ModelCIF file with pLDDT and N, C-alpha, C, O atoms, coordinates in Angstrom:
data_MODEL
#
_entry.id   MODEL 
#
_entity.id                         1 
_entity.type                       polymer 
_entity.pdbx_number_of_molecules   1 
#
_entity_poly.entity_id                      1 
_entity_poly.type                           'polypeptide(L)' 
_entity_poly.nstd_linkage                   no 
_entity_poly.nstd_monomer                   no 
_entity_poly.pdbx_seq_one_letter_code       
;(UNK)(UNK)(UNK)(UNK)(UNK)(UNK)(UNK)(UNK)(UNK)(UNK)(UNK)(UNK)(UNK)(UNK)(UNK)(UNK)
(UNK)(UNK)(UNK)(UNK)(UNK)(UNK)(UNK)(UNK)(UNK)(UNK)(UNK)(UNK)(UNK)(UNK)(UNK)(UNK)
(UNK)(UNK)(UNK)(UNK)
;
_entity_poly.pdbx_seq_one_letter_code_can   XXXXXXXXXXXXXXXXXXXXXXXXXXXXXXXXXXXX 
_entity_poly.pdbx_strand_id                 A 
#
loop_
_entity_poly_seq.entity_id 
_entity_poly_seq.num 
_entity_poly_seq.mon_id 
_entity_poly_seq.hetero 
1 1  UNK n 
1 2  UNK n 
1 3  UNK n 
1 4  UNK n 
1 5  UNK n 
1 6  UNK n 
1 7  UNK n 
1 8  UNK n 
1 9  UNK n 
1 10 UNK n 
1 11 UNK n 
1 12 UNK n 
1 13 UNK n 
1 14 UNK n 
1 15 UNK n 
1 16 UNK n 
1 17 UNK n 
1 18 UNK n 
1 19 UNK n 
1 20 UNK n 
1 21 UNK n 
1 22 UNK n 
1 23 UNK n 
1 24 UNK n 
1 25 UNK n 
1 26 UNK n 
1 27 UNK n 
1 28 UNK n 
1 29 UNK n 
1 30 UNK n 
1 31 UNK n 
1 32 UNK n 
1 33 UNK n 
1 34 UNK n 
1 35 UNK n 
1 36 UNK n 
#
_struct_asym.id          A 
_struct_asym.entity_id   1 
#
loop_
_ma_qa_metric.id 
_ma_qa_metric.mode 
_ma_qa_metric.name 
_ma_qa_metric.software_group_id 
_ma_qa_metric.type 
1 global pLDDT . pLDDT 
2 local  pLDDT . pLDDT 
#
_ma_qa_metric_global.metric_id      1 
_ma_qa_metric_global.metric_value   94.14 
_ma_qa_metric_global.model_id       1 
_ma_qa_metric_global.ordinal_id     1 
#
loop_
_ma_qa_metric_local.label_asym_id 
_ma_qa_metric_local.label_comp_id 
_ma_qa_metric_local.label_seq_id 
_ma_qa_metric_local.metric_id 
_ma_qa_metric_local.metric_value 
_ma_qa_metric_local.model_id 
_ma_qa_metric_local.ordinal_id 
A UNK 1  2 93.00 1 1  
A UNK 2  2 93.00 1 2  
A UNK 3  2 93.00 1 3  
A UNK 4  2 94.00 1 4  
A UNK 5  2 97.00 1 5  
A UNK 6  2 98.00 1 6  
A UNK 7  2 98.00 1 7  
A UNK 8  2 98.00 1 8  
A UNK 9  2 98.00 1 9  
A UNK 10 2 97.00 1 10 
A UNK 11 2 97.00 1 11 
A UNK 12 2 97.00 1 12 
A UNK 13 2 96.00 1 13 
A UNK 14 2 95.00 1 14 
A UNK 15 2 94.00 1 15 
A UNK 16 2 95.00 1 16 
A UNK 17 2 97.00 1 17 
A UNK 18 2 98.00 1 18 
A UNK 19 2 98.00 1 19 
A UNK 20 2 97.00 1 20 
A UNK 21 2 98.00 1 21 
A UNK 22 2 98.00 1 22 
A UNK 23 2 96.00 1 23 
A UNK 24 2 94.00 1 24 
A UNK 25 2 91.00 1 25 
A UNK 26 2 89.00 1 26 
A UNK 27 2 90.00 1 27 
A UNK 28 2 86.00 1 28 
A UNK 29 2 83.00 1 29 
A UNK 30 2 85.00 1 30 
A UNK 31 2 87.00 1 31 
A UNK 32 2 93.00 1 32 
A UNK 33 2 93.00 1 33 
A UNK 34 2 92.00 1 34 
A UNK 35 2 95.00 1 35 
A UNK 36 2 96.00 1 36 
#
loop_
_atom_site.group_PDB 
_atom_site.id 
_atom_site.type_symbol 
_atom_site.label_atom_id 
_atom_site.label_alt_id 
_atom_site.label_comp_id 
_atom_site.label_asym_id 
_atom_site.label_entity_id 
_atom_site.label_seq_id 
_atom_site.pdbx_PDB_ins_code 
_atom_site.Cartn_x 
_atom_site.Cartn_y 
_atom_site.Cartn_z 
_atom_site.occupancy 
_atom_site.B_iso_or_equiv 
_atom_site.pdbx_formal_charge 
_atom_site.auth_seq_id 
_atom_site.auth_comp_id 
_atom_site.auth_asym_id 
_atom_site.auth_atom_id 
_atom_site.pdbx_PDB_model_num 
ATOM 1   N N  . UNK A 1 1  ? 0.739  -1.174 -0.054  1.00 93.00 ? 1  UNK A N  1 
ATOM 2   C CA . UNK A 1 1  ? -0.039 -0.020 -0.068  1.00 93.00 ? 1  UNK A CA 1 
ATOM 3   C C  . UNK A 1 1  ? 0.803  1.139  0.032   1.00 93.00 ? 1  UNK A C  1 
ATOM 4   O O  . UNK A 1 1  ? 0.234  2.192  0.321   1.00 93.00 ? 1  UNK A O  1 
ATOM 5   N N  . UNK A 1 2  ? 2.118  1.159  -0.159  1.00 93.00 ? 2  UNK A N  1 
ATOM 6   C CA . UNK A 1 2  ? 2.956  2.196  -0.275  1.00 93.00 ? 2  UNK A CA 1 
ATOM 7   C C  . UNK A 1 2  ? 2.825  3.187  -1.297  1.00 93.00 ? 2  UNK A C  1 
ATOM 8   O O  . UNK A 1 2  ? 3.019  4.385  -1.091  1.00 93.00 ? 2  UNK A O  1 
ATOM 9   N N  . UNK A 1 3  ? 2.412  2.564  -2.687  1.00 93.00 ? 3  UNK A N  1 
ATOM 10  C CA . UNK A 1 3  ? 2.093  3.364  -3.796  1.00 93.00 ? 3  UNK A CA 1 
ATOM 11  C C  . UNK A 1 3  ? 0.679  3.021  -4.504  1.00 93.00 ? 3  UNK A C  1 
ATOM 12  O O  . UNK A 1 3  ? 0.277  1.857  -4.507  1.00 93.00 ? 3  UNK A O  1 
ATOM 13  N N  . UNK A 1 4  ? 0.100  3.831  -4.970  1.00 94.00 ? 4  UNK A N  1 
ATOM 14  C CA . UNK A 1 4  ? -1.240 3.217  -5.913  1.00 94.00 ? 4  UNK A CA 1 
ATOM 15  C C  . UNK A 1 4  ? -2.199 3.064  -4.797  1.00 94.00 ? 4  UNK A C  1 
ATOM 16  O O  . UNK A 1 4  ? -3.031 2.177  -4.988  1.00 94.00 ? 4  UNK A O  1 
ATOM 17  N N  . UNK A 1 5  ? -2.291 3.712  -3.674  1.00 97.00 ? 5  UNK A N  1 
ATOM 18  C CA . UNK A 1 5  ? -3.578 3.339  -2.608  1.00 97.00 ? 5  UNK A CA 1 
ATOM 19  C C  . UNK A 1 5  ? -4.306 4.413  -2.587  1.00 97.00 ? 5  UNK A C  1 
ATOM 20  O O  . UNK A 1 5  ? -3.814 5.516  -2.827  1.00 97.00 ? 5  UNK A O  1 
ATOM 21  N N  . UNK A 1 6  ? -5.629 4.230  -2.286  1.00 98.00 ? 6  UNK A N  1 
ATOM 22  C CA . UNK A 1 6  ? -6.428 5.578  -2.424  1.00 98.00 ? 6  UNK A CA 1 
ATOM 23  C C  . UNK A 1 6  ? -6.146 6.142  -1.000  1.00 98.00 ? 6  UNK A C  1 
ATOM 24  O O  . UNK A 1 6  ? -5.857 5.481  -0.002  1.00 98.00 ? 6  UNK A O  1 
ATOM 25  N N  . UNK A 1 7  ? -6.280 7.430  -1.095  1.00 98.00 ? 7  UNK A N  1 
ATOM 26  C CA . UNK A 1 7  ? -6.332 8.432  0.067   1.00 98.00 ? 7  UNK A CA 1 
ATOM 27  C C  . UNK A 1 7  ? -7.035 9.601  -0.348  1.00 98.00 ? 7  UNK A C  1 
ATOM 28  O O  . UNK A 1 7  ? -7.188 9.788  -1.555  1.00 98.00 ? 7  UNK A O  1 
ATOM 29  N N  . UNK A 1 8  ? -7.492 10.428 0.498   1.00 98.00 ? 8  UNK A N  1 
ATOM 30  C CA . UNK A 1 8  ? -8.060 11.747 0.219   1.00 98.00 ? 8  UNK A CA 1 
ATOM 31  C C  . UNK A 1 8  ? -7.453 12.620 -0.582  1.00 98.00 ? 8  UNK A C  1 
ATOM 32  O O  . UNK A 1 8  ? -8.028 13.386 -1.355  1.00 98.00 ? 8  UNK A O  1 
ATOM 33  N N  . UNK A 1 9  ? -5.803 12.481 -0.345  1.00 98.00 ? 9  UNK A N  1 
ATOM 34  C CA . UNK A 1 9  ? -5.061 13.278 -1.165  1.00 98.00 ? 9  UNK A CA 1 
ATOM 35  C C  . UNK A 1 9  ? -4.812 12.973 -2.447  1.00 98.00 ? 9  UNK A C  1 
ATOM 36  O O  . UNK A 1 9  ? -4.705 13.818 -3.336  1.00 98.00 ? 9  UNK A O  1 
ATOM 37  N N  . UNK A 1 10 ? -4.702 11.678 -2.612  1.00 97.00 ? 10 UNK A N  1 
ATOM 38  C CA . UNK A 1 10 ? -4.741 11.167 -3.979  1.00 97.00 ? 10 UNK A CA 1 
ATOM 39  C C  . UNK A 1 10 ? -5.889 11.628 -4.890  1.00 97.00 ? 10 UNK A C  1 
ATOM 40  O O  . UNK A 1 10 ? -5.780 12.159 -5.995  1.00 97.00 ? 10 UNK A O  1 
ATOM 41  N N  . UNK A 1 11 ? -6.974 11.333 -4.239  1.00 97.00 ? 11 UNK A N  1 
ATOM 42  C CA . UNK A 1 11 ? -8.326 11.890 -5.187  1.00 97.00 ? 11 UNK A CA 1 
ATOM 43  C C  . UNK A 1 11 ? -8.562 13.362 -5.203  1.00 97.00 ? 11 UNK A C  1 
ATOM 44  O O  . UNK A 1 11 ? -9.123 13.844 -6.187  1.00 97.00 ? 11 UNK A O  1 
ATOM 45  N N  . UNK A 1 12 ? -8.162 14.187 -4.134  1.00 97.00 ? 12 UNK A N  1 
ATOM 46  C CA . UNK A 1 12 ? -8.205 15.512 -4.350  1.00 97.00 ? 12 UNK A CA 1 
ATOM 47  C C  . UNK A 1 12 ? -7.052 16.052 -5.204  1.00 97.00 ? 12 UNK A C  1 
ATOM 48  O O  . UNK A 1 12 ? -7.185 17.056 -5.905  1.00 97.00 ? 12 UNK A O  1 
ATOM 49  N N  . UNK A 1 13 ? -5.901 15.341 -5.117  1.00 96.00 ? 13 UNK A N  1 
ATOM 50  C CA . UNK A 1 13 ? -4.827 15.737 -5.903  1.00 96.00 ? 13 UNK A CA 1 
ATOM 51  C C  . UNK A 1 13 ? -5.084 15.769 -7.393  1.00 96.00 ? 13 UNK A C  1 
ATOM 52  O O  . UNK A 1 13 ? -4.649 16.640 -8.145  1.00 96.00 ? 13 UNK A O  1 
ATOM 53  N N  . UNK A 1 14 ? -5.910 14.630 -7.787  1.00 95.00 ? 14 UNK A N  1 
ATOM 54  C CA . UNK A 1 14 ? -6.242 14.516 -9.295  1.00 95.00 ? 14 UNK A CA 1 
ATOM 55  C C  . UNK A 1 14 ? -7.103 15.472 -9.672  1.00 95.00 ? 14 UNK A C  1 
ATOM 56  O O  . UNK A 1 14 ? -7.293 15.620 -10.879 1.00 95.00 ? 14 UNK A O  1 
ATOM 57  N N  . UNK A 1 15 ? -7.803 16.321 -8.710  1.00 94.00 ? 15 UNK A N  1 
ATOM 58  C CA . UNK A 1 15 ? -8.686 17.402 -8.965  1.00 94.00 ? 15 UNK A CA 1 
ATOM 59  C C  . UNK A 1 15 ? -8.051 18.782 -8.880  1.00 94.00 ? 15 UNK A C  1 
ATOM 60  O O  . UNK A 1 15 ? -8.706 19.823 -8.832  1.00 94.00 ? 15 UNK A O  1 
ATOM 61  N N  . UNK A 1 16 ? -6.719 18.707 -8.865  1.00 95.00 ? 16 UNK A N  1 
ATOM 62  C CA . UNK A 1 16 ? -5.992 20.146 -8.722  1.00 95.00 ? 16 UNK A CA 1 
ATOM 63  C C  . UNK A 1 16 ? -5.726 20.651 -7.303  1.00 95.00 ? 16 UNK A C  1 
ATOM 64  O O  . UNK A 1 16 ? -5.213 21.763 -7.176  1.00 95.00 ? 16 UNK A O  1 
ATOM 65  N N  . UNK A 1 17 ? -6.055 19.874 -6.156  1.00 97.00 ? 17 UNK A N  1 
ATOM 66  C CA . UNK A 1 17 ? -5.721 20.383 -4.855  1.00 97.00 ? 17 UNK A CA 1 
ATOM 67  C C  . UNK A 1 17 ? -4.412 20.251 -4.601  1.00 97.00 ? 17 UNK A C  1 
ATOM 68  O O  . UNK A 1 17 ? -3.861 19.268 -5.097  1.00 97.00 ? 17 UNK A O  1 
ATOM 69  N N  . UNK A 1 18 ? -3.649 21.135 -3.828  1.00 98.00 ? 18 UNK A N  1 
ATOM 70  C CA . UNK A 1 18 ? -2.406 20.982 -3.277  1.00 98.00 ? 18 UNK A CA 1 
ATOM 71  C C  . UNK A 1 18 ? -2.804 20.266 -1.877  1.00 98.00 ? 18 UNK A C  1 
ATOM 72  O O  . UNK A 1 18 ? -3.701 20.670 -1.138  1.00 98.00 ? 18 UNK A O  1 
ATOM 73  N N  . UNK A 1 19 ? -2.056 19.234 -1.660  1.00 98.00 ? 19 UNK A N  1 
ATOM 74  C CA . UNK A 1 19 ? -2.043 18.347 -0.433  1.00 98.00 ? 19 UNK A CA 1 
ATOM 75  C C  . UNK A 1 19 ? -0.790 18.240 0.346   1.00 98.00 ? 19 UNK A C  1 
ATOM 76  O O  . UNK A 1 19 ? 0.285  18.017 -0.212  1.00 98.00 ? 19 UNK A O  1 
ATOM 77  N N  . UNK A 1 20 ? -0.899 18.388 1.555   1.00 97.00 ? 20 UNK A N  1 
ATOM 78  C CA . UNK A 1 20 ? 0.306  18.143 2.346   1.00 97.00 ? 20 UNK A CA 1 
ATOM 79  C C  . UNK A 1 20 ? -0.153 17.863 3.878   1.00 97.00 ? 20 UNK A C  1 
ATOM 80  O O  . UNK A 1 20 ? -1.233 18.166 4.385   1.00 97.00 ? 20 UNK A O  1 
ATOM 81  N N  . UNK A 1 21 ? 1.037  17.153 4.528   1.00 98.00 ? 21 UNK A N  1 
ATOM 82  C CA . UNK A 1 21 ? 0.937  16.773 5.756   1.00 98.00 ? 21 UNK A CA 1 
ATOM 83  C C  . UNK A 1 21 ? 1.868  17.496 6.870   1.00 98.00 ? 21 UNK A C  1 
ATOM 84  O O  . UNK A 1 21 ? 3.093  17.568 6.771   1.00 98.00 ? 21 UNK A O  1 
ATOM 85  N N  . UNK A 1 22 ? 1.157  17.985 7.872   1.00 98.00 ? 22 UNK A N  1 
ATOM 86  C CA . UNK A 1 22 ? 2.068  18.723 8.955   1.00 98.00 ? 22 UNK A CA 1 
ATOM 87  C C  . UNK A 1 22 ? 2.117  18.081 10.264  1.00 98.00 ? 22 UNK A C  1 
ATOM 88  O O  . UNK A 1 22 ? 1.090  17.844 10.899  1.00 98.00 ? 22 UNK A O  1 
ATOM 89  N N  . UNK A 1 23 ? 3.328  17.783 10.697  1.00 96.00 ? 23 UNK A N  1 
ATOM 90  C CA . UNK A 1 23 ? 3.463  16.993 11.902  1.00 96.00 ? 23 UNK A CA 1 
ATOM 91  C C  . UNK A 1 23 ? 4.385  17.420 12.740  1.00 96.00 ? 23 UNK A C  1 
ATOM 92  O O  . UNK A 1 23 ? 5.474  17.662 12.220  1.00 96.00 ? 23 UNK A O  1 
ATOM 93  N N  . UNK A 1 24 ? 4.281  17.606 13.992  1.00 94.00 ? 24 UNK A N  1 
ATOM 94  C CA . UNK A 1 24 ? 5.301  18.145 14.928  1.00 94.00 ? 24 UNK A CA 1 
ATOM 95  C C  . UNK A 1 24 ? 6.467  17.230 15.260  1.00 94.00 ? 24 UNK A C  1 
ATOM 96  O O  . UNK A 1 24 ? 7.510  17.731 15.679  1.00 94.00 ? 24 UNK A O  1 
ATOM 97  N N  . UNK A 1 25 ? 6.356  15.973 15.103  1.00 91.00 ? 25 UNK A N  1 
ATOM 98  C CA . UNK A 1 25 ? 7.377  15.133 15.333  1.00 91.00 ? 25 UNK A CA 1 
ATOM 99  C C  . UNK A 1 25 ? 8.091  14.677 14.140  1.00 91.00 ? 25 UNK A C  1 
ATOM 100 O O  . UNK A 1 25 ? 8.291  15.546 13.291  1.00 91.00 ? 25 UNK A O  1 
ATOM 101 N N  . UNK A 1 26 ? 8.507  13.525 13.903  1.00 89.00 ? 26 UNK A N  1 
ATOM 102 C CA . UNK A 1 26 ? 9.399  13.051 12.859  1.00 89.00 ? 26 UNK A CA 1 
ATOM 103 C C  . UNK A 1 26 ? 8.478  12.142 11.880  1.00 89.00 ? 26 UNK A C  1 
ATOM 104 O O  . UNK A 1 26 ? 8.085  11.021 12.204  1.00 89.00 ? 26 UNK A O  1 
ATOM 105 N N  . UNK A 1 27 ? 8.208  12.718 10.737  1.00 90.00 ? 27 UNK A N  1 
ATOM 106 C CA . UNK A 1 27 ? 7.147  12.130 9.888   1.00 90.00 ? 27 UNK A CA 1 
ATOM 107 C C  . UNK A 1 27 ? 7.352  10.737 9.485   1.00 90.00 ? 27 UNK A C  1 
ATOM 108 O O  . UNK A 1 27 ? 6.412  10.063 9.063   1.00 90.00 ? 27 UNK A O  1 
ATOM 109 N N  . UNK A 1 28 ? 8.821  10.170 9.625   1.00 86.00 ? 28 UNK A N  1 
ATOM 110 C CA . UNK A 1 28 ? 9.041  8.837  9.304   1.00 86.00 ? 28 UNK A CA 1 
ATOM 111 C C  . UNK A 1 28 ? 8.576  7.892  10.466  1.00 86.00 ? 28 UNK A C  1 
ATOM 112 O O  . UNK A 1 28 ? 8.681  6.678  10.292  1.00 86.00 ? 28 UNK A O  1 
ATOM 113 N N  . UNK A 1 29 ? 8.120  8.330  11.522  1.00 83.00 ? 29 UNK A N  1 
ATOM 114 C CA . UNK A 1 29 ? 7.506  7.660  12.374  1.00 83.00 ? 29 UNK A CA 1 
ATOM 115 C C  . UNK A 1 29 ? 6.343  6.673  12.118  1.00 83.00 ? 29 UNK A C  1 
ATOM 116 O O  . UNK A 1 29 ? 5.413  7.191  11.500  1.00 83.00 ? 29 UNK A O  1 
ATOM 117 N N  . UNK A 1 30 ? 6.198  5.547  12.404  1.00 85.00 ? 30 UNK A N  1 
ATOM 118 C CA . UNK A 1 30 ? 5.165  4.701  11.929  1.00 85.00 ? 30 UNK A CA 1 
ATOM 119 C C  . UNK A 1 30 ? 5.030  4.783  10.270  1.00 85.00 ? 30 UNK A C  1 
ATOM 120 O O  . UNK A 1 30 ? 3.911  4.732  9.761   1.00 85.00 ? 30 UNK A O  1 
ATOM 121 N N  . UNK A 1 31 ? 5.908  4.879  9.673   1.00 87.00 ? 31 UNK A N  1 
ATOM 122 C CA . UNK A 1 31 ? 6.090  4.739  8.201   1.00 87.00 ? 31 UNK A CA 1 
ATOM 123 C C  . UNK A 1 31 ? 5.034  5.759  7.500   1.00 87.00 ? 31 UNK A C  1 
ATOM 124 O O  . UNK A 1 31 ? 4.595  5.533  6.372   1.00 87.00 ? 31 UNK A O  1 
ATOM 125 N N  . UNK A 1 32 ? 4.643  6.964  8.302   1.00 93.00 ? 32 UNK A N  1 
ATOM 126 C CA . UNK A 1 32 ? 3.742  7.866  7.570   1.00 93.00 ? 32 UNK A CA 1 
ATOM 127 C C  . UNK A 1 32 ? 4.454  8.539  6.536   1.00 93.00 ? 32 UNK A C  1 
ATOM 128 O O  . UNK A 1 32 ? 3.781  8.675  5.514   1.00 93.00 ? 32 UNK A O  1 
ATOM 129 N N  . UNK A 1 33 ? 5.617  9.006  6.487   1.00 93.00 ? 33 UNK A N  1 
ATOM 130 C CA . UNK A 1 33 ? 6.204  9.678  5.357   1.00 93.00 ? 33 UNK A CA 1 
ATOM 131 C C  . UNK A 1 33 ? 6.173  8.898  3.963   1.00 93.00 ? 33 UNK A C  1 
ATOM 132 O O  . UNK A 1 33 ? 5.940  9.396  2.861   1.00 93.00 ? 33 UNK A O  1 
ATOM 133 N N  . UNK A 1 34 ? 6.443  7.646  4.238   1.00 92.00 ? 34 UNK A N  1 
ATOM 134 C CA . UNK A 1 34 ? 6.469  6.753  3.175   1.00 92.00 ? 34 UNK A CA 1 
ATOM 135 C C  . UNK A 1 34 ? 5.245  6.654  2.578   1.00 92.00 ? 34 UNK A C  1 
ATOM 136 O O  . UNK A 1 34 ? 5.182  6.835  1.362   1.00 92.00 ? 34 UNK A O  1 
ATOM 137 N N  . UNK A 1 35 ? 4.113  6.363  3.299   1.00 95.00 ? 35 UNK A N  1 
ATOM 138 C CA . UNK A 1 35 ? 2.877  5.992  3.025   1.00 95.00 ? 35 UNK A CA 1 
ATOM 139 C C  . UNK A 1 35 ? 2.154  7.304  2.260   1.00 95.00 ? 35 UNK A C  1 
ATOM 140 O O  . UNK A 1 35 ? 1.484  7.239  1.230   1.00 95.00 ? 35 UNK A O  1 
ATOM 141 N N  . UNK A 1 36 ? 2.483  8.579  3.079   1.00 96.00 ? 36 UNK A N  1 
ATOM 142 C CA . UNK A 1 36 ? 1.661  9.650  2.489   1.00 96.00 ? 36 UNK A CA 1 
ATOM 143 C C  . UNK A 1 36 ? 2.415  10.125 1.221   1.00 96.00 ? 36 UNK A C  1 
ATOM 144 O O  . UNK A 1 36 ? 1.947  11.026 0.524   1.00 96.00 ? 36 UNK A O  1 
#
């Protein structure tokens, strides 16, 4: 599921949205950076 897996970001990105993730810790925790 690390690529080609549906998220709101994937769907909205196809419709011209800018998408981002903001986190106060280290984004690689729990593999979030890779998945996102």
